[in-house]
Amino acid sequence: MRISIDPQLCIGAGQCALAAPRVFTQDDDGYGTLLPGHDPDDPMAREGARSCPVHAITVTDS
């Protein structure tokens, strides 16, 4: 899978990090970001994307 976060859309709600803490985290400013070394095939990545209230996360199959 390929995971991307649109920084222009992210509002820092943190729902992605709550739903998929092995994939997402928040940066120093509170915005969503991918954890270094995350498993791009973690099944919770899609749940993290679905939980984003502004749909800033895209998960696509490779």
C-alpha atoms as a PDB file:
ATOM      1  CA  MET A   1       0.000   0.000   0.000  1.00  0.00           C
ATOM      2  CA  ARG A   2       0.967   3.599  -0.461  1.00  0.00           C
ATOM      3  CA  ILE A   3      -0.044   6.070   2.251  1.00  0.00           C
ATOM      4  CA  SER A   4       0.022   9.838   1.856  1.00  0.00           C
ATOM      5  CA  ILE A   5      -1.121  12.763   3.978  1.00  0.00           C
ATOM      6  CA  ASP A   6      -2.060  16.055   2.340  1.00  0.00           C
ATOM      7  CA  PRO A   7      -0.514  18.692   4.634  1.00  0.00           C
ATOM      8  CA  GLN A   8      -2.767  21.369   3.142  1.00  0.00           C
ATOM      9  CA  LEU A   9      -5.877  19.510   4.339  1.00  0.00           C
ATOM     10  CA  CYS A  10      -4.704  18.152   7.699  1.00  0.00           C
ATOM     11  CA  ILE A  11      -6.178  20.020  10.674  1.00  0.00           C
ATOM     12  CA  GLY A  12      -4.358  18.046  13.366  1.00  0.00           C
ATOM     13  CA  ALA A  13      -7.399  16.246  14.773  1.00  0.00           C
ATOM     14  CA  GLY A  14      -5.190  13.264  15.671  1.00  0.00           C
ATOM     15  CA  GLN A  15      -7.771  10.638  14.817  1.00  0.00           C
ATOM     16  CA  CYS A  16      -5.335   8.826  12.522  1.00  0.00           C
ATOM     17  CA  ALA A  17      -2.807   8.416  15.339  1.00  0.00           C
ATOM     18  CA  LEU A  18      -5.513   7.142  17.673  1.00  0.00           C
ATOM     19  CA  ALA A  19      -6.848   4.650  15.118  1.00  0.00           C
ATOM     20  CA  ALA A  20      -3.489   3.401  13.826  1.00  0.00           C
ATOM     21  CA  PRO A  21      -0.691   4.289  16.279  1.00  0.00           C
ATOM     22  CA  ARG A  22       1.808   1.975  14.552  1.00  0.00           C
ATOM     23  CA  VAL A  23       1.413   3.937  11.304  1.00  0.00           C
ATOM     24  CA  PHE A  24       0.583   7.560  12.176  1.00  0.00           C
ATOM     25  CA  THR A  25       1.753  10.097  14.719  1.00  0.00           C
ATOM     26  CA  GLN A  26       1.575  13.858  15.110  1.00  0.00           C
ATOM     27  CA  ASP A  27       4.456  16.215  14.458  1.00  0.00           C
ATOM     28  CA  ASP A  28       5.599  18.972  16.818  1.00  0.00           C
ATOM     29  CA  ASP A  29       2.843  21.253  15.515  1.00  0.00           C
ATOM     30  CA  GLY A  30       0.156  18.583  16.024  1.00  0.00           C
ATOM     31  CA  TYR A  31      -0.348  17.647  12.381  1.00  0.00           C
ATOM     32  CA  GLY A  32      -0.588  14.057  11.192  1.00  0.00           C
ATOM     33  CA  THR A  33       2.501  12.383   9.846  1.00  0.00           C
ATOM     34  CA  LEU A  34       3.700   8.873   9.103  1.00  0.00           C
ATOM     35  CA  LEU A  35       5.873   7.154  11.675  1.00  0.00           C
ATOM     36  CA  PRO A  36       9.410   6.525  10.438  1.00  0.00           C
ATOM     37  CA  GLY A  37       9.754   2.840   9.615  1.00  0.00           C
ATOM     38  CA  HIS A  38       5.994   2.241   9.585  1.00  0.00           C
ATOM     39  CA  ASP A  39       4.651  -0.871   7.900  1.00  0.00           C
ATOM     40  CA  PRO A  40       2.853   0.418   4.792  1.00  0.00           C
ATOM     41  CA  ASP A  41       0.818  -2.795   4.682  1.00  0.00           C
ATOM     42  CA  ASP A  42      -0.506  -2.466   8.241  1.00  0.00           C
ATOM     43  CA  PRO A  43      -4.255  -3.128   7.940  1.00  0.00           C
ATOM     44  CA  MET A  44      -4.981  -0.335  10.421  1.00  0.00           C
ATOM     45  CA  ALA A  45      -3.652   2.245   7.944  1.00  0.00           C
ATOM     46  CA  ARG A  46      -7.007   2.200   6.158  1.00  0.00           C
ATOM     47  CA  GLU A  47      -8.808   2.697   9.458  1.00  0.00           C
ATOM     48  CA  GLY A  48      -6.575   5.674  10.195  1.00  0.00           C
ATOM     49  CA  ALA A  49      -7.445   7.157   6.815  1.00  0.00           C
ATOM     50  CA  ARG A  50     -11.166   6.568   7.352  1.00  0.00           C
ATOM     51  CA  SER A  51     -11.009   8.281  10.731  1.00  0.00           C
ATOM     52  CA  CYS A  52      -9.655  11.545   9.299  1.00  0.00           C
ATOM     53  CA  PRO A  53     -12.457  14.123   9.522  1.00  0.00           C
ATOM     54  CA  VAL A  54     -11.149  16.107   6.531  1.00  0.00           C
ATOM     55  CA  HIS A  55     -10.069  13.142   4.366  1.00  0.00           C
ATOM     56  CA  ALA A  56      -6.437  14.287   4.276  1.00  0.00           C
ATOM     57  CA  ILE A  57      -5.107  10.706   4.148  1.00  0.00           C
ATOM     58  CA  THR A  58      -5.024   8.571   1.018  1.00  0.00           C
ATOM     59  CA  VAL A  59      -4.289   4.853   1.068  1.00  0.00           C
ATOM     60  CA  THR A  60      -3.848   3.142  -2.292  1.00  0.00           C
ATOM     61  CA  ASP A  61      -2.866  -0.379  -3.223  1.00  0.00           C
ATOM     62  CA  SER A  62       0.601  -0.695  -4.712  1.00  0.00           C
END
